[in-house]
Each structure stands twice: as structure tokens, then as C-alpha cells.
């Protein structure tokens, strides 16, 4: 495996994790906004009773993206360390 491909893989994974966090937070914000709008419904239905599922799912997705970002950062750090070692050996 080439060091550049490891570095690129880490950066791509980091970007993907960042995108997932953004998408999940957008979905949570939209769900919260729709709950505030439906809170004034005449039937008296508690809007929080049916929302916890989608919000919980998005929170889990955000946690998974966080773990993915941490792993990607370790890949990037390792690739950087390998380049440093190769430079030290060749000099």
C-alpha cells in the first residue's frame, strides 16, 4: 500500500464523516422544527411521543460518524508518521 493512498483514504473518510454529521444534524433540526409546528395541534397529541425514534437514529448516526472521523484521523497520523520515518531513513 502506498503512503499517499493511505493518506488519501484517511482524508476521504474524514470528509465522509463530516458530511454524515452535517446531514444528521440537518435531519434533527428539521424534525425539531416540525415538532414545534405540530405542538399546536388541536388533538392534543404529544409531539415528542413519536419523534424519539428518528432523533435517536440520527444521534446514533452522528456517534458512528464521530468514531469514523477518529479512525480517519489515526490513519492520517500514521501515514504522516510513515512519511517522516522514510525521510529520516533516506537522509
PDB file of N, CA and C in Angstrom:
ATOM      1  N   UNK A   1       0.851  -1.181   0.000  1.00  0.00           N
ATOM      2  CA  UNK A   1       0.000   0.000   0.000  1.00  0.00           C
ATOM      3  C   UNK A   1       0.892   1.238   0.000  1.00  0.00           C
ATOM      4  N   UNK A   2       0.559   2.162  -0.813  1.00  0.00           N
ATOM      5  CA  UNK A   2       1.314   3.408  -0.866  1.00  0.00           C
ATOM      6  C   UNK A   2       0.889   4.337   0.261  1.00  0.00           C
ATOM      7  N   UNK A   3       1.832   5.151   0.698  1.00  0.00           N
ATOM      8  CA  UNK A   3       1.539   6.083   1.785  1.00  0.00           C
ATOM      9  C   UNK A   3       0.522   7.124   1.325  1.00  0.00           C
ATOM     10  N   UNK A   4       0.664   7.590   0.081  1.00  0.00           N
ATOM     11  CA  UNK A   4      -0.280   8.594  -0.424  1.00  0.00           C
ATOM     12  C   UNK A   4      -1.699   8.048  -0.469  1.00  0.00           C
ATOM     13  N   UNK A   5      -1.855   6.771  -0.839  1.00  0.00           N
ATOM     14  CA  UNK A   5      -3.203   6.216  -0.875  1.00  0.00           C
ATOM     15  C   UNK A   5      -3.774   6.077   0.536  1.00  0.00           C
ATOM     16  N   UNK A   6      -2.916   5.779   1.527  1.00  0.00           N
ATOM     17  CA  UNK A   6      -3.382   5.704   2.916  1.00  0.00           C
ATOM     18  C   UNK A   6      -3.810   7.081   3.388  1.00  0.00           C
ATOM     19  N   UNK A   7      -3.008   8.080   3.051  1.00  0.00           N
ATOM     20  CA  UNK A   7      -3.341   9.453   3.434  1.00  0.00           C
ATOM     21  C   UNK A   7      -4.646   9.893   2.761  1.00  0.00           C
ATOM     22  N   UNK A   8      -4.774   9.603   1.464  1.00  0.00           N
ATOM     23  CA  UNK A   8      -5.989   9.966   0.729  1.00  0.00           C
ATOM     24  C   UNK A   8      -7.213   9.250   1.283  1.00  0.00           C
ATOM     25  N   UNK A   9      -7.027   7.992   1.646  1.00  0.00           N
ATOM     26  CA  UNK A   9      -8.128   7.230   2.235  1.00  0.00           C
ATOM     27  C   UNK A   9      -8.582   7.846   3.554  1.00  0.00           C
ATOM     28  N   UNK A  10      -7.615   8.265   4.365  1.00  0.00           N
ATOM     29  CA  UNK A  10      -7.949   8.909   5.627  1.00  0.00           C
ATOM     30  C   UNK A  10      -8.697  10.213   5.431  1.00  0.00           C
ATOM     31  N   UNK A  11      -8.231  11.011   4.468  1.00  0.00           N
ATOM     32  CA  UNK A  11      -8.889  12.295   4.196  1.00  0.00           C
ATOM     33  C   UNK A  11     -10.301  12.067   3.654  1.00  0.00           C
ATOM     34  N   UNK A  12     -10.454  11.083   2.753  1.00  0.00           N
ATOM     35  CA  UNK A  12     -11.790  10.789   2.214  1.00  0.00           C
ATOM     36  C   UNK A  12     -12.734  10.322   3.316  1.00  0.00           C
ATOM     37  N   UNK A  13     -12.252   9.491   4.215  1.00  0.00           N
ATOM     38  CA  UNK A  13     -13.088   9.025   5.331  1.00  0.00           C
ATOM     39  C   UNK A  13     -13.456  10.164   6.264  1.00  0.00           C
ATOM     40  N   UNK A  14     -12.518  11.061   6.481  1.00  0.00           N
ATOM     41  CA  UNK A  14     -12.795  12.222   7.329  1.00  0.00           C
ATOM     42  C   UNK A  14     -13.858  13.118   6.698  1.00  0.00           C
ATOM     43  N   UNK A  15     -13.766  13.324   5.399  1.00  0.00           N
ATOM     44  CA  UNK A  15     -14.777  14.120   4.693  1.00  0.00           C
ATOM     45  C   UNK A  15     -16.148  13.448   4.736  1.00  0.00           C
ATOM     46  N   UNK A  16     -16.167  12.123   4.571  1.00  0.00           N
ATOM     47  CA  UNK A  16     -17.432  11.389   4.617  1.00  0.00           C
ATOM     48  C   UNK A  16     -18.078  11.491   6.006  1.00  0.00           C
ATOM     49  N   UNK A  17     -17.263  11.384   7.046  1.00  0.00           N
ATOM     50  CA  UNK A  17     -17.780  11.501   8.416  1.00  0.00           C
ATOM     51  C   UNK A  17     -18.339  12.898   8.659  1.00  0.00           C
ATOM     52  N   UNK A  18     -17.637  13.898   8.172  1.00  0.00           N
ATOM     53  CA  UNK A  18     -18.109  15.278   8.321  1.00  0.00           C
ATOM     54  C   UNK A  18     -19.442  15.486   7.613  1.00  0.00           C
ATOM     55  N   UNK A  19     -19.563  14.909   6.428  1.00  0.00           N
ATOM     56  CA  UNK A  19     -20.814  15.022   5.674  1.00  0.00           C
ATOM     57  C   UNK A  19     -21.954  14.319   6.413  1.00  0.00           C
ATOM     58  N   UNK A  20     -21.677  13.151   6.981  1.00  0.00           N
ATOM     59  CA  UNK A  20     -22.712  12.417   7.724  1.00  0.00           C
ATOM     60  C   UNK A  20     -23.180  13.210   8.940  1.00  0.00           C
ATOM     61  N   UNK A  21     -22.253  13.834   9.643  1.00  0.00           N
ATOM     62  CA  UNK A  21     -22.622  14.642  10.806  1.00  0.00           C
ATOM     63  C   UNK A  21     -23.500  15.815  10.383  1.00  0.00           C
ATOM     64  N   UNK A  22     -23.140  16.453   9.281  1.00  0.00           N
ATOM     65  CA  UNK A  22     -23.933  17.580   8.779  1.00  0.00           C
ATOM     66  C   UNK A  22     -25.339  17.128   8.393  1.00  0.00           C
ATOM     67  N   UNK A  23     -25.442  16.020   7.676  1.00  0.00           N
ATOM     68  CA  UNK A  23     -26.748  15.522   7.248  1.00  0.00           C
ATOM     69  C   UNK A  23     -27.616  15.115   8.445  1.00  0.00           C
ATOM     70  N   UNK A  24     -27.024  14.442   9.402  1.00  0.00           N
ATOM     71  CA  UNK A  24     -27.786  14.025  10.584  1.00  0.00           C
ATOM     72  C   UNK A  24     -28.256  15.221  11.399  1.00  0.00           C
ATOM     73  N   UNK A  25     -27.391  16.210  11.562  1.00  0.00           N
ATOM     74  CA  UNK A  25     -27.805  17.392  12.324  1.00  0.00           C
ATOM     75  C   UNK A  25     -28.896  18.167  11.592  1.00  0.00           C
ATOM     76  N   UNK A  26     -28.838  18.190  10.259  1.00  0.00           N
ATOM     77  CA  UNK A  26     -29.911  18.830   9.484  1.00  0.00           C
ATOM     78  C   UNK A  26     -31.242  18.102   9.698  1.00  0.00           C
ATOM     79  N   UNK A  27     -31.191  16.760   9.682  1.00  0.00           N
ATOM     80  CA  UNK A  27     -32.427  15.991   9.889  1.00  0.00           C
ATOM     81  C   UNK A  27     -32.996  16.219  11.287  1.00  0.00           C
ATOM     82  N   UNK A  28     -32.128  16.299  12.283  1.00  0.00           N
ATOM     83  CA  UNK A  28     -32.591  16.567  13.649  1.00  0.00           C
ATOM     84  C   UNK A  28     -33.230  17.951  13.722  1.00  0.00           C
ATOM     85  N   UNK A  29     -32.603  18.934  13.097  1.00  0.00           N
ATOM     86  CA  UNK A  29     -33.152  20.291  13.118  1.00  0.00           C
ATOM     87  C   UNK A  29     -34.511  20.338  12.424  1.00  0.00           C
ATOM     88  N   UNK A  30     -34.649  19.655  11.299  1.00  0.00           N
ATOM     89  CA  UNK A  30     -35.934  19.628  10.587  1.00  0.00           C
ATOM     90  C   UNK A  30     -37.000  18.935  11.416  1.00  0.00           C
ATOM     91  N   UNK A  31     -36.618  17.834  12.068  1.00  0.00           N
ATOM     92  CA  UNK A  31     -37.574  17.107  12.906  1.00  0.00           C
ATOM     93  C   UNK A  31     -38.021  17.966  14.081  1.00  0.00           C
ATOM     94  N   UNK A  32     -37.098  18.677  14.697  1.00  0.00           N
ATOM     95  CA  UNK A  32     -37.427  19.550  15.820  1.00  0.00           C
ATOM     96  C   UNK A  32     -38.340  20.677  15.373  1.00  0.00           C
ATOM     97  N   UNK A  33     -38.062  21.236  14.203  1.00  0.00           N
ATOM     98  CA  UNK A  33     -38.894  22.316  13.677  1.00  0.00           C
ATOM     99  C   UNK A  33     -40.304  21.823  13.386  1.00  0.00           C
ATOM    100  N   UNK A  34     -40.406  20.626  12.798  1.00  0.00           N
ATOM    101  CA  UNK A  34     -41.745  20.101  12.503  1.00  0.00           C
ATOM    102  C   UNK A  34     -42.498  19.785  13.790  1.00  0.00           C
ATOM    103  N   UNK A  35     -41.786  19.405  14.856  1.00  0.00           N
ATOM    104  CA  UNK A  35     -42.434  19.144  16.146  1.00  0.00           C
ATOM    105  C   UNK A  35     -42.967  20.427  16.759  1.00  0.00           C
ATOM    106  N   UNK A  36     -42.229  21.490  16.628  1.00  0.00           N
ATOM    107  CA  UNK A  36     -42.684  22.766  17.178  1.00  0.00           C
ATOM    108  C   UNK A  36     -43.934  23.228  16.452  1.00  0.00           C
ATOM    109  N   UNK A  37     -43.993  22.978  15.154  1.00  0.00           N
ATOM    110  CA  UNK A  37     -45.175  23.353  14.385  1.00  0.00           C
ATOM    111  C   UNK A  37     -46.368  22.481  14.734  1.00  0.00           C
ATOM    112  N   UNK A  38     -46.132  21.195  14.992  1.00  0.00           N
ATOM    113  CA  UNK A  38     -47.244  20.303  15.305  1.00  0.00           C
ATOM    114  C   UNK A  38     -47.619  20.343  16.780  1.00  0.00           C
ATOM    115  N   UNK A  39     -46.849  21.033  17.595  1.00  0.00           N
ATOM    116  CA  UNK A  39     -47.155  21.111  19.033  1.00  0.00           C
ATOM    117  C   UNK A  39     -48.446  21.864  19.285  1.00  0.00           C
ATOM    118  N   UNK A  40     -48.867  22.627  18.311  1.00  0.00           N
ATOM    119  CA  UNK A  40     -50.087  23.414  18.463  1.00  0.00           C
ATOM    120  C   UNK A  40     -51.286  22.687  17.863  1.00  0.00           C
ATOM    121  N   UNK A  41     -51.177  21.374  17.668  1.00  0.00           N
ATOM    122  CA  UNK A  41     -52.275  20.635  17.049  1.00  0.00           C
ATOM    123  C   UNK A  41     -53.470  20.542  17.995  1.00  0.00           C
ATOM    124  N   UNK A  42     -54.673  20.547  17.448  1.00  0.00           N
ATOM    125  CA  UNK A  42     -55.877  20.543  18.287  1.00  0.00           C
ATOM    126  C   UNK A  42     -56.165  19.195  18.942  1.00  0.00           C
ATOM    127  N   UNK A  43     -55.578  18.100  18.439  1.00  0.00           N
ATOM    128  CA  UNK A  43     -55.890  16.787  19.007  1.00  0.00           C
ATOM    129  C   UNK A  43     -55.215  16.577  20.352  1.00  0.00           C
ATOM    130  N   UNK A  44     -54.266  17.410  20.694  1.00  0.00           N
ATOM    131  CA  UNK A  44     -53.574  17.277  21.967  1.00  0.00           C
ATOM    132  C   UNK A  44     -52.572  16.141  21.988  1.00  0.00           C
ATOM    133  N   UNK A  45     -52.104  15.703  20.824  1.00  0.00           N
ATOM    134  CA  UNK A  45     -51.122  14.631  20.755  1.00  0.00           C
ATOM    135  C   UNK A  45     -49.761  15.174  21.165  1.00  0.00           C
ATOM    136  N   UNK A  46     -49.078  14.439  22.004  1.00  0.00           N
ATOM    137  CA  UNK A  46     -47.742  14.845  22.422  1.00  0.00           C
ATOM    138  C   UNK A  46     -46.777  14.637  21.255  1.00  0.00           C
ATOM    139  N   UNK A  47     -46.211  15.694  20.686  1.00  0.00           N
ATOM    140  CA  UNK A  47     -45.344  15.536  19.522  1.00  0.00           C
ATOM    141  C   UNK A  47     -44.051  14.804  19.831  1.00  0.00           C
ATOM    142  N   UNK A  48     -43.643  14.777  21.093  1.00  0.00           N
ATOM    143  CA  UNK A  48     -42.400  14.098  21.444  1.00  0.00           C
ATOM    144  C   UNK A  48     -42.576  12.593  21.535  1.00  0.00           C
ATOM    145  N   UNK A  49     -43.795  12.105  21.551  1.00  0.00           N
ATOM    146  CA  UNK A  49     -44.022  10.679  21.705  1.00  0.00           C
ATOM    147  C   UNK A  49     -43.630   9.890  20.461  1.00  0.00           C
ATOM    148  N   UNK A  50     -43.665  10.499  19.282  1.00  0.00           N
ATOM    149  CA  UNK A  50     -43.337   9.767  18.064  1.00  0.00           C
ATOM    150  C   UNK A  50     -42.043  10.249  17.417  1.00  0.00           C
ATOM    151  N   UNK A  51     -41.364  11.183  18.011  1.00  0.00           N
ATOM    152  CA  UNK A  51     -40.170  11.756  17.406  1.00  0.00           C
ATOM    153  C   UNK A  51     -38.899  11.098  17.909  1.00  0.00           C
ATOM    154  N   UNK A  52     -38.934  10.506  19.067  1.00  0.00           N
ATOM    155  CA  UNK A  52     -37.704   9.993  19.644  1.00  0.00           C
ATOM    156  C   UNK A  52     -37.026   8.974  18.744  1.00  0.00           C
ATOM    157  N   UNK A  53     -37.781   8.202  17.979  1.00  0.00           N
ATOM    158  CA  UNK A  53     -37.197   7.224  17.064  1.00  0.00           C
ATOM    159  C   UNK A  53     -36.279   7.857  16.043  1.00  0.00           C
ATOM    160  N   UNK A  54     -36.791   8.786  15.219  1.00  0.00           N
ATOM    161  CA  UNK A  54     -35.925   9.408  14.206  1.00  0.00           C
ATOM    162  C   UNK A  54     -34.766  10.208  14.813  1.00  0.00           C
ATOM    163  N   UNK A  55     -35.018  10.901  15.898  1.00  0.00           N
ATOM    164  CA  UNK A  55     -33.953  11.689  16.524  1.00  0.00           C
ATOM    165  C   UNK A  55     -32.897  10.758  17.107  1.00  0.00           C
ATOM    166  N   UNK A  56     -33.314   9.702  17.746  1.00  0.00           N
ATOM    167  CA  UNK A  56     -32.373   8.738  18.308  1.00  0.00           C
ATOM    168  C   UNK A  56     -31.525   8.106  17.214  1.00  0.00           C
ATOM    169  N   UNK A  57     -32.150   7.763  16.111  1.00  0.00           N
ATOM    170  CA  UNK A  57     -31.418   7.193  14.980  1.00  0.00           C
ATOM    171  C   UNK A  57     -30.355   8.152  14.472  1.00  0.00           C
ATOM    172  N   UNK A  58     -30.709   9.411  14.351  1.00  0.00           N
ATOM    173  CA  UNK A  58     -29.741  10.399  13.860  1.00  0.00           C
ATOM    174  C   UNK A  58     -28.625  10.638  14.864  1.00  0.00           C
ATOM    175  N   UNK A  59     -28.937  10.575  16.149  1.00  0.00           N
ATOM    176  CA  UNK A  59     -27.884  10.712  17.163  1.00  0.00           C
ATOM    177  C   UNK A  59     -26.915   9.533  17.098  1.00  0.00           C
ATOM    178  N   UNK A  60     -27.438   8.343  16.869  1.00  0.00           N
ATOM    179  CA  UNK A  60     -26.577   7.169  16.709  1.00  0.00           C
ATOM    180  C   UNK A  60     -25.713   7.333  15.456  1.00  0.00           C
ATOM    181  N   UNK A  61     -26.313   7.824  14.361  1.00  0.00           N
ATOM    182  CA  UNK A  61     -25.551   8.067  13.137  1.00  0.00           C
ATOM    183  C   UNK A  61     -24.436   9.080  13.368  1.00  0.00           C
ATOM    184  N   UNK A  62     -24.722  10.094  14.154  1.00  0.00           N
ATOM    185  CA  UNK A  62     -23.704  11.102  14.454  1.00  0.00           C
ATOM    186  C   UNK A  62     -22.566  10.494  15.287  1.00  0.00           C
ATOM    187  N   UNK A  63     -22.896   9.634  16.227  1.00  0.00           N
ATOM    188  CA  UNK A  63     -21.859   8.977  17.038  1.00  0.00           C
ATOM    189  C   UNK A  63     -21.000   8.069  16.163  1.00  0.00           C
ATOM    190  N   UNK A  64     -21.621   7.347  15.251  1.00  0.00           N
ATOM    191  CA  UNK A  64     -20.863   6.500  14.336  1.00  0.00           C
ATOM    192  C   UNK A  64     -19.942   7.337  13.452  1.00  0.00           C
ATOM    193  N   UNK A  65     -20.429   8.478  13.002  1.00  0.00           N
ATOM    194  CA  UNK A  65     -19.605   9.373  12.183  1.00  0.00           C
ATOM    195  C   UNK A  65     -18.442   9.919  13.003  1.00  0.00           C
ATOM    196  N   UNK A  66     -18.672  10.175  14.278  1.00  0.00           N
ATOM    197  CA  UNK A  66     -17.587  10.642  15.147  1.00  0.00           C
ATOM    198  C   UNK A  66     -16.490   9.588  15.261  1.00  0.00           C
ATOM    199  N   UNK A  67     -16.894   8.332  15.439  1.00  0.00           N
ATOM    200  CA  UNK A  67     -15.931   7.241  15.531  1.00  0.00           C
ATOM    201  C   UNK A  67     -15.185   7.087  14.209  1.00  0.00           C
ATOM    202  N   UNK A  68     -15.904   7.233  13.101  1.00  0.00           N
ATOM    203  CA  UNK A  68     -15.273   7.160  11.786  1.00  0.00           C
ATOM    204  C   UNK A  68     -14.245   8.282  11.622  1.00  0.00           C
ATOM    205  N   UNK A  69     -14.578   9.468  12.082  1.00  0.00           N
ATOM    206  CA  UNK A  69     -13.653  10.597  11.983  1.00  0.00           C
ATOM    207  C   UNK A  69     -12.408  10.355  12.837  1.00  0.00           C
ATOM    208  N   UNK A  70     -12.591   9.793  14.019  1.00  0.00           N
ATOM    209  CA  UNK A  70     -11.439   9.488  14.875  1.00  0.00           C
ATOM    210  C   UNK A  70     -10.535   8.450  14.216  1.00  0.00           C
ATOM    211  N   UNK A  71     -11.134   7.441  13.602  1.00  0.00           N
ATOM    212  CA  UNK A  71     -10.345   6.422  12.906  1.00  0.00           C
ATOM    213  C   UNK A  71      -9.604   7.012  11.720  1.00  0.00           C
ATOM    214  N   UNK A  72     -10.271   7.884  10.984  1.00  0.00           N
ATOM    215  CA  UNK A  72      -9.645   8.526   9.829  1.00  0.00           C
ATOM    216  C   UNK A  72      -8.471   9.393  10.271  1.00  0.00           C
ATOM    217  N   UNK A  73      -8.627  10.072  11.391  1.00  0.00           N
ATOM    218  CA  UNK A  73      -7.533  10.900  11.908  1.00  0.00           C
ATOM    219  C   UNK A  73      -6.335  10.029  12.279  1.00  0.00           C
ATOM    220  N   UNK A  74      -6.583   8.839  12.820  1.00  0.00           N
ATOM    221  CA  UNK A  74      -5.481   7.934  13.146  1.00  0.00           C
ATOM    222  C   UNK A  74      -4.780   7.444  11.884  1.00  0.00           C
ATOM    223  N   UNK A  75      -5.539   7.184  10.824  1.00  0.00           N
ATOM    224  CA  UNK A  75      -4.943   6.765   9.552  1.00  0.00           C
ATOM    225  C   UNK A  75      -4.059   7.881   9.006  1.00  0.00           C
ATOM    226  N   UNK A  76      -4.562   9.109   9.047  1.00  0.00           N
ATOM    227  CA  UNK A  76      -3.788  10.253   8.555  1.00  0.00           C
ATOM    228  C   UNK A  76      -2.513  10.434   9.379  1.00  0.00           C
ATOM    229  N   UNK A  77      -2.628  10.329  10.688  1.00  0.00           N
ATOM    230  CA  UNK A  77      -1.461  10.461  11.561  1.00  0.00           C
ATOM    231  C   UNK A  77      -0.431   9.369  11.281  1.00  0.00           C
ATOM    232  N   UNK A  78      -0.893   8.142  11.099  1.00  0.00           N
ATOM    233  CA  UNK A  78       0.011   7.031  10.813  1.00  0.00           C
ATOM    234  C   UNK A  78       0.722   7.239   9.478  1.00  0.00           C
ATOM    235  N   UNK A  79      -0.022   7.663   8.458  1.00  0.00           N
ATOM    236  CA  UNK A  79       0.593   7.927   7.152  1.00  0.00           C
ATOM    237  C   UNK A  79       1.627   9.043   7.270  1.00  0.00           C
ATOM    238  N   UNK A  80       1.320  10.057   8.035  1.00  0.00           N
ATOM    239  CA  UNK A  80       2.259  11.161   8.236  1.00  0.00           C
ATOM    240  C   UNK A  80       3.517  10.685   8.965  1.00  0.00           C
ATOM    241  N   UNK A  81       3.334   9.847   9.975  1.00  0.00           N
ATOM    242  CA  UNK A  81       4.474   9.291  10.703  1.00  0.00           C
ATOM    243  C   UNK A  81       5.346   8.432   9.788  1.00  0.00           C
ATOM    244  N   UNK A  82       4.705   7.669   8.907  1.00  0.00           N
ATOM    245  CA  UNK A  82       5.458   6.825   7.978  1.00  0.00           C
ATOM    246  C   UNK A  82       6.287   7.677   7.024  1.00  0.00           C
ATOM    247  N   UNK A  83       5.728   8.770   6.541  1.00  0.00           N
ATOM    248  CA  UNK A  83       6.489   9.667   5.665  1.00  0.00           C
ATOM    249  C   UNK A  83       7.671  10.249   6.431  1.00  0.00           C
ATOM    250  N   UNK A  84       7.438  10.648   7.667  1.00  0.00           N
ATOM    251  CA  UNK A  84       8.529  11.171   8.487  1.00  0.00           C
ATOM    252  C   UNK A  84       9.624  10.138   8.699  1.00  0.00           C
ATOM    253  N   UNK A  85       9.257   8.889   8.943  1.00  0.00           N
ATOM    254  CA  UNK A  85      10.235   7.821   9.133  1.00  0.00           C
ATOM    255  C   UNK A  85      11.020   7.572   7.857  1.00  0.00           C
ATOM    256  N   UNK A  86      10.327   7.574   6.725  1.00  0.00           N
ATOM    257  CA  UNK A  86      11.017   7.356   5.441  1.00  0.00           C
ATOM    258  C   UNK A  86      11.995   8.481   5.146  1.00  0.00           C
ATOM    259  N   UNK A  87      11.620   9.698   5.484  1.00  0.00           N
ATOM    260  CA  UNK A  87      12.518  10.820   5.267  1.00  0.00           C
ATOM    261  C   UNK A  87      13.734  10.700   6.184  1.00  0.00           C
ATOM    262  N   UNK A  88      13.516  10.304   7.423  1.00  0.00           N
ATOM    263  CA  UNK A  88      14.627  10.129   8.361  1.00  0.00           C
ATOM    264  C   UNK A  88      15.587   9.025   7.890  1.00  0.00           C
ATOM    265  N   UNK A  89      15.052   7.937   7.345  1.00  0.00           N
ATOM    266  CA  UNK A  89      15.865   6.813   6.892  1.00  0.00           C
ATOM    267  C   UNK A  89      16.658   7.200   5.644  1.00  0.00           C
ATOM    268  N   UNK A  90      16.024   7.936   4.733  1.00  0.00           N
ATOM    269  CA  UNK A  90      16.697   8.252   3.475  1.00  0.00           C
ATOM    270  C   UNK A  90      17.712   9.396   3.611  1.00  0.00           C
ATOM    271  N   UNK A  91      17.667  10.168   4.661  1.00  0.00           N
ATOM    272  CA  UNK A  91      18.591  11.293   4.821  1.00  0.00           C
ATOM    273  C   UNK A  91      19.861  10.881   5.480  1.00  0.00           C
TER     274      UNK A  91
END
